[in-house]
Amino acid sequence: MDLTSVKHRLESNLCPEHHQHPTVTLNDQGFTISCCCDNFKERLVQLATDYLTDDVMDQISDIFK
């Protein structure tokens, strides 16, 4: 999964408390997440980590087939 895909997946989420979507900006270091509250940002950071970890694990498993 490339960073553009992660961006779109994250931006599709809606804060359960404030009903707002985040803004994800791609940059040289990866991406930044701007959103309405810290709780939502923590959730999005965890989701991004999960997306990227799953992708790396898929790539590793493909190598060792």
PDB file of N, CA and C in Angstrom:
ATOM      1  N   MET A   1       0.857  -1.169   0.000  1.00  0.00           N
ATOM      2  CA  MET A   1       0.000   0.000   0.000  1.00  0.00           C
ATOM      3  C   MET A   1       0.905   1.235   0.000  1.00  0.00           C
ATOM      4  N   ASP A   2       0.688   2.132  -0.928  1.00  0.00           N
ATOM      5  CA  ASP A   2       1.493   3.337  -0.967  1.00  0.00           C
ATOM      6  C   ASP A   2       0.886   4.415  -0.068  1.00  0.00           C
ATOM      7  N   LEU A   3       1.624   5.490   0.139  1.00  0.00           N
ATOM      8  CA  LEU A   3       1.164   6.539   1.046  1.00  0.00           C
ATOM      9  C   LEU A   3      -0.104   7.229   0.559  1.00  0.00           C
ATOM     10  N   THR A   4      -0.296   7.294  -0.752  1.00  0.00           N
ATOM     11  CA  THR A   4      -1.519   7.895  -1.276  1.00  0.00           C
ATOM     12  C   THR A   4      -2.734   7.068  -0.863  1.00  0.00           C
ATOM     13  N   SER A   5      -2.605   5.765  -0.880  1.00  0.00           N
ATOM     14  CA  SER A   5      -3.693   4.884  -0.446  1.00  0.00           C
ATOM     15  C   SER A   5      -3.967   5.051   1.047  1.00  0.00           C
ATOM     16  N   VAL A   6      -2.894   5.154   1.837  1.00  0.00           N
ATOM     17  CA  VAL A   6      -3.051   5.369   3.276  1.00  0.00           C
ATOM     18  C   VAL A   6      -3.760   6.698   3.510  1.00  0.00           C
ATOM     19  N   LYS A   7      -3.359   7.727   2.771  1.00  0.00           N
ATOM     20  CA  LYS A   7      -3.984   9.053   2.875  1.00  0.00           C
ATOM     21  C   LYS A   7      -5.489   8.966   2.648  1.00  0.00           C
ATOM     22  N   HIS A   8      -5.889   8.332   1.570  1.00  0.00           N
ATOM     23  CA  HIS A   8      -7.314   8.224   1.242  1.00  0.00           C
ATOM     24  C   HIS A   8      -8.082   7.406   2.288  1.00  0.00           C
ATOM     25  N   ARG A   9      -7.478   6.333   2.752  1.00  0.00           N
ATOM     26  CA  ARG A   9      -8.144   5.509   3.770  1.00  0.00           C
ATOM     27  C   ARG A   9      -8.325   6.276   5.072  1.00  0.00           C
ATOM     28  N   LEU A  10      -7.295   7.035   5.470  1.00  0.00           N
ATOM     29  CA  LEU A  10      -7.396   7.804   6.707  1.00  0.00           C
ATOM     30  C   LEU A  10      -8.417   8.932   6.579  1.00  0.00           C
ATOM     31  N   GLU A  11      -8.403   9.616   5.437  1.00  0.00           N
ATOM     32  CA  GLU A  11      -9.318  10.735   5.243  1.00  0.00           C
ATOM     33  C   GLU A  11     -10.775  10.298   5.130  1.00  0.00           C
ATOM     34  N   SER A  12     -11.015   9.032   4.905  1.00  0.00           N
ATOM     35  CA  SER A  12     -12.389   8.546   4.828  1.00  0.00           C
ATOM     36  C   SER A  12     -13.006   8.349   6.218  1.00  0.00           C
ATOM     37  N   ASN A  13     -12.182   8.401   7.264  1.00  0.00           N
ATOM     38  CA  ASN A  13     -12.671   8.240   8.628  1.00  0.00           C
ATOM     39  C   ASN A  13     -13.350   9.509   9.114  1.00  0.00           C
ATOM     40  N   LEU A  14     -14.274   9.328  10.035  1.00  0.00           N
ATOM     41  CA  LEU A  14     -15.042  10.427  10.601  1.00  0.00           C
ATOM     42  C   LEU A  14     -14.900  10.393  12.121  1.00  0.00           C
ATOM     43  N   CYS A  15     -14.585  11.537  12.709  1.00  0.00           N
ATOM     44  CA  CYS A  15     -14.460  11.608  14.163  1.00  0.00           C
ATOM     45  C   CYS A  15     -15.809  11.285  14.794  1.00  0.00           C
ATOM     46  N   PRO A  16     -15.853  10.310  15.690  1.00  0.00           N
ATOM     47  CA  PRO A  16     -17.134   9.946  16.305  1.00  0.00           C
ATOM     48  C   PRO A  16     -17.698  11.049  17.206  1.00  0.00           C
ATOM     49  N   GLU A  17     -16.832  11.897  17.704  1.00  0.00           N
ATOM     50  CA  GLU A  17     -17.279  12.957  18.610  1.00  0.00           C
ATOM     51  C   GLU A  17     -17.653  14.241  17.879  1.00  0.00           C
ATOM     52  N   HIS A  18     -16.838  14.646  16.887  1.00  0.00           N
ATOM     53  CA  HIS A  18     -17.029  15.945  16.227  1.00  0.00           C
ATOM     54  C   HIS A  18     -17.565  15.841  14.801  1.00  0.00           C
ATOM     55  N   HIS A  19     -17.656  14.635  14.278  1.00  0.00           N
ATOM     56  CA  HIS A  19     -18.205  14.380  12.939  1.00  0.00           C
ATOM     57  C   HIS A  19     -17.458  15.141  11.846  1.00  0.00           C
ATOM     58  N   GLN A  20     -16.119  15.144  11.947  1.00  0.00           N
ATOM     59  CA  GLN A  20     -15.278  15.799  10.949  1.00  0.00           C
ATOM     60  C   GLN A  20     -14.261  14.797  10.409  1.00  0.00           C
ATOM     61  N   HIS A  21     -13.871  15.015   9.156  1.00  0.00           N
ATOM     62  CA  HIS A  21     -12.842  14.199   8.529  1.00  0.00           C
ATOM     63  C   HIS A  21     -11.470  14.828   8.787  1.00  0.00           C
ATOM     64  N   PRO A  22     -10.428  14.010   8.857  1.00  0.00           N
ATOM     65  CA  PRO A  22      -9.077  14.555   9.006  1.00  0.00           C
ATOM     66  C   PRO A  22      -8.535  15.037   7.664  1.00  0.00           C
ATOM     67  N   THR A  23      -7.463  15.791   7.743  1.00  0.00           N
ATOM     68  CA  THR A  23      -6.713  16.174   6.554  1.00  0.00           C
ATOM     69  C   THR A  23      -5.339  15.517   6.664  1.00  0.00           C
ATOM     70  N   VAL A  24      -4.986  14.749   5.665  1.00  0.00           N
ATOM     71  CA  VAL A  24      -3.693  14.067   5.643  1.00  0.00           C
ATOM     72  C   VAL A  24      -2.863  14.704   4.539  1.00  0.00           C
ATOM     73  N   THR A  25      -1.662  15.156   4.907  1.00  0.00           N
ATOM     74  CA  THR A  25      -0.771  15.820   3.962  1.00  0.00           C
ATOM     75  C   THR A  25       0.472  14.973   3.774  1.00  0.00           C
ATOM     76  N   LEU A  26       0.772  14.629   2.538  1.00  0.00           N
ATOM     77  CA  LEU A  26       1.983  13.868   2.235  1.00  0.00           C
ATOM     78  C   LEU A  26       3.167  14.822   2.191  1.00  0.00           C
ATOM     79  N   ASN A  27       4.318  14.374   2.722  1.00  0.00           N
ATOM     80  CA  ASN A  27       5.532  15.179   2.695  1.00  0.00           C
ATOM     81  C   ASN A  27       6.748  14.274   2.553  1.00  0.00           C
ATOM     82  N   ASP A  28       7.935  14.859   2.627  1.00  0.00           N
ATOM     83  CA  ASP A  28       9.171  14.088   2.428  1.00  0.00           C
ATOM     84  C   ASP A  28       9.391  13.014   3.494  1.00  0.00           C
ATOM     85  N   GLN A  29       8.884  13.244   4.700  1.00  0.00           N
ATOM     86  CA  GLN A  29       9.055  12.282   5.780  1.00  0.00           C
ATOM     87  C   GLN A  29       7.949  11.242   5.827  1.00  0.00           C
ATOM     88  N   GLY A  30       6.914  11.386   5.029  1.00  0.00           N
ATOM     89  CA  GLY A  30       5.776  10.469   5.031  1.00  0.00           C
ATOM     90  C   GLY A  30       4.493  11.244   4.930  1.00  0.00           C
ATOM     91  N   PHE A  31       3.874  11.513   6.085  1.00  0.00           N
ATOM     92  CA  PHE A  31       2.639  12.295   6.073  1.00  0.00           C
ATOM     93  C   PHE A  31       2.378  12.893   7.449  1.00  0.00           C
ATOM     94  N   THR A  32       1.510  13.907   7.462  1.00  0.00           N
ATOM     95  CA  THR A  32       1.045  14.492   8.705  1.00  0.00           C
ATOM     96  C   THR A  32      -0.469  14.399   8.738  1.00  0.00           C
ATOM     97  N   ILE A  33      -1.000  14.304   9.930  1.00  0.00           N
ATOM     98  CA  ILE A  33      -2.444  14.189  10.124  1.00  0.00           C
ATOM     99  C   ILE A  33      -2.916  15.401  10.917  1.00  0.00           C
ATOM    100  N   SER A  34      -3.858  16.142  10.358  1.00  0.00           N
ATOM    101  CA  SER A  34      -4.491  17.253  11.061  1.00  0.00           C
ATOM    102  C   SER A  34      -5.947  16.886  11.276  1.00  0.00           C
ATOM    103  N   CYS A  35      -6.396  17.024  12.520  1.00  0.00           N
ATOM    104  CA  CYS A  35      -7.787  16.685  12.800  1.00  0.00           C
ATOM    105  C   CYS A  35      -8.293  17.470  14.007  1.00  0.00           C
ATOM    106  N   CYS A  36      -9.526  17.237  14.340  1.00  0.00           N
ATOM    107  CA  CYS A  36     -10.254  18.038  15.317  1.00  0.00           C
ATOM    108  C   CYS A  36      -9.863  17.808  16.769  1.00  0.00           C
ATOM    109  N   CYS A  37      -9.332  16.631  17.095  1.00  0.00           N
ATOM    110  CA  CYS A  37      -9.028  16.363  18.505  1.00  0.00           C
ATOM    111  C   CYS A  37      -7.925  15.309  18.634  1.00  0.00           C
ATOM    112  N   ASP A  38      -7.311  15.282  19.801  1.00  0.00           N
ATOM    113  CA  ASP A  38      -6.210  14.347  20.053  1.00  0.00           C
ATOM    114  C   ASP A  38      -6.657  12.892  20.065  1.00  0.00           C
ATOM    115  N   ASN A  39      -7.845  12.614  20.586  1.00  0.00           N
ATOM    116  CA  ASN A  39      -8.327  11.236  20.618  1.00  0.00           C
ATOM    117  C   ASN A  39      -8.470  10.665  19.217  1.00  0.00           C
ATOM    118  N   PHE A  40      -9.026  11.454  18.320  1.00  0.00           N
ATOM    119  CA  PHE A  40      -9.201  11.019  16.941  1.00  0.00           C
ATOM    120  C   PHE A  40      -7.843  10.851  16.264  1.00  0.00           C
ATOM    121  N   LYS A  41      -6.917  11.775  16.537  1.00  0.00           N
ATOM    122  CA  LYS A  41      -5.585  11.686  15.941  1.00  0.00           C
ATOM    123  C   LYS A  41      -4.874  10.417  16.401  1.00  0.00           C
ATOM    124  N   GLU A  42      -4.986  10.090  17.683  1.00  0.00           N
ATOM    125  CA  GLU A  42      -4.380   8.857  18.191  1.00  0.00           C
ATOM    126  C   GLU A  42      -4.942   7.639  17.477  1.00  0.00           C
ATOM    127  N   ARG A  43      -6.236   7.631  17.259  1.00  0.00           N
ATOM    128  CA  ARG A  43      -6.883   6.521  16.550  1.00  0.00           C
ATOM    129  C   ARG A  43      -6.361   6.421  15.110  1.00  0.00           C
ATOM    130  N   LEU A  44      -6.223   7.571  14.453  1.00  0.00           N
ATOM    131  CA  LEU A  44      -5.749   7.589  13.069  1.00  0.00           C
ATOM    132  C   LEU A  44      -4.290   7.157  12.960  1.00  0.00           C
ATOM    133  N   VAL A  45      -3.467   7.567  13.911  1.00  0.00           N
ATOM    134  CA  VAL A  45      -2.064   7.140  13.914  1.00  0.00           C
ATOM    135  C   VAL A  45      -1.988   5.621  14.062  1.00  0.00           C
ATOM    136  N   GLN A  46      -2.816   5.067  14.919  1.00  0.00           N
ATOM    137  CA  GLN A  46      -2.841   3.610  15.091  1.00  0.00           C
ATOM    138  C   GLN A  46      -3.309   2.918  13.810  1.00  0.00           C
ATOM    139  N   LEU A  47      -4.332   3.477  13.171  1.00  0.00           N
ATOM    140  CA  LEU A  47      -4.808   2.906  11.901  1.00  0.00           C
ATOM    141  C   LEU A  47      -3.708   2.948  10.840  1.00  0.00           C
ATOM    142  N   ALA A  48      -3.019   4.072  10.730  1.00  0.00           N
ATOM    143  CA  ALA A  48      -1.936   4.201   9.747  1.00  0.00           C
ATOM    144  C   ALA A  48      -0.848   3.177  10.022  1.00  0.00           C
ATOM    145  N   THR A  49      -0.503   3.012  11.286  1.00  0.00           N
ATOM    146  CA  THR A  49       0.503   2.019  11.672  1.00  0.00           C
ATOM    147  C   THR A  49       0.046   0.619  11.279  1.00  0.00           C
ATOM    148  N   ASP A  50      -1.212   0.318  11.536  1.00  0.00           N
ATOM    149  CA  ASP A  50      -1.759  -0.993  11.176  1.00  0.00           C
ATOM    150  C   ASP A  50      -1.732  -1.212   9.670  1.00  0.00           C
ATOM    151  N   TYR A  51      -2.144  -0.198   8.899  1.00  0.00           N
ATOM    152  CA  TYR A  51      -2.143  -0.319   7.434  1.00  0.00           C
ATOM    153  C   TYR A  51      -0.738  -0.595   6.917  1.00  0.00           C
ATOM    154  N   LEU A  52       0.231   0.170   7.406  1.00  0.00           N
ATOM    155  CA  LEU A  52       1.596   0.028   6.916  1.00  0.00           C
ATOM    156  C   LEU A  52       2.235  -1.271   7.398  1.00  0.00           C
ATOM    157  N   THR A  53       1.944  -1.687   8.621  1.00  0.00           N
ATOM    158  CA  THR A  53       2.470  -2.949   9.137  1.00  0.00           C
ATOM    159  C   THR A  53       1.907  -4.126   8.354  1.00  0.00           C
ATOM    160  N   ASP A  54       0.618  -4.111   8.095  1.00  0.00           N
ATOM    161  CA  ASP A  54      -0.005  -5.185   7.303  1.00  0.00           C
ATOM    162  C   ASP A  54       0.632  -5.269   5.925  1.00  0.00           C
ATOM    163  N   ASP A  55       0.909  -4.117   5.319  1.00  0.00           N
ATOM    164  CA  ASP A  55       1.508  -4.095   3.990  1.00  0.00           C
ATOM    165  C   ASP A  55       2.919  -4.688   4.017  1.00  0.00           C
ATOM    166  N   VAL A  56       3.707  -4.321   5.009  1.00  0.00           N
ATOM    167  CA  VAL A  56       5.065  -4.856   5.132  1.00  0.00           C
ATOM    168  C   VAL A  56       5.022  -6.363   5.362  1.00  0.00           C
ATOM    169  N   MET A  57       4.113  -6.808   6.218  1.00  0.00           N
ATOM    170  CA  MET A  57       4.007  -8.243   6.486  1.00  0.00           C
ATOM    171  C   MET A  57       3.593  -9.008   5.226  1.00  0.00           C
ATOM    172  N   ASP A  58       2.706  -8.435   4.429  1.00  0.00           N
ATOM    173  CA  ASP A  58       2.308  -9.068   3.162  1.00  0.00           C
ATOM    174  C   ASP A  58       3.505  -9.173   2.224  1.00  0.00           C
ATOM    175  N   GLN A  59       4.310  -8.114   2.155  1.00  0.00           N
ATOM    176  CA  GLN A  59       5.471  -8.128   1.285  1.00  0.00           C
ATOM    177  C   GLN A  59       6.496  -9.170   1.746  1.00  0.00           C
ATOM    178  N   ILE A  60       6.682  -9.276   3.045  1.00  0.00           N
ATOM    179  CA  ILE A  60       7.619 -10.258   3.580  1.00  0.00           C
ATOM    180  C   ILE A  60       7.132 -11.669   3.303  1.00  0.00           C
ATOM    181  N   SER A  61       5.851 -11.912   3.500  1.00  0.00           N
ATOM    182  CA  SER A  61       5.331 -13.256   3.257  1.00  0.00           C
ATOM    183  C   SER A  61       5.433 -13.622   1.786  1.00  0.00           C
ATOM    184  N   ASP A  62       5.291 -12.648   0.888  1.00  0.00           N
ATOM    185  CA  ASP A  62       5.455 -12.909  -0.546  1.00  0.00           C
ATOM    186  C   ASP A  62       6.894 -13.307  -0.885  1.00  0.00           C
ATOM    187  N   ILE A  63       7.838 -12.717  -0.188  1.00  0.00           N
ATOM    188  CA  ILE A  63       9.243 -13.013  -0.448  1.00  0.00           C
ATOM    189  C   ILE A  63       9.567 -14.461  -0.080  1.00  0.00           C
ATOM    190  N   PHE A  64       8.979 -14.949   0.985  1.00  0.00           N
ATOM    191  CA  PHE A  64       9.326 -16.279   1.507  1.00  0.00           C
ATOM    192  C   PHE A  64       8.399 -17.387   1.039  1.00  0.00           C
ATOM    193  N   LYS A  65       7.623 -17.135   0.001  1.00  0.00           N
ATOM    194  CA  LYS A  65       6.754 -18.189  -0.531  1.00  0.00           C
ATOM    195  C   LYS A  65       7.537 -19.160  -1.342  1.00  0.00           C
TER     196      LYS A  65
END
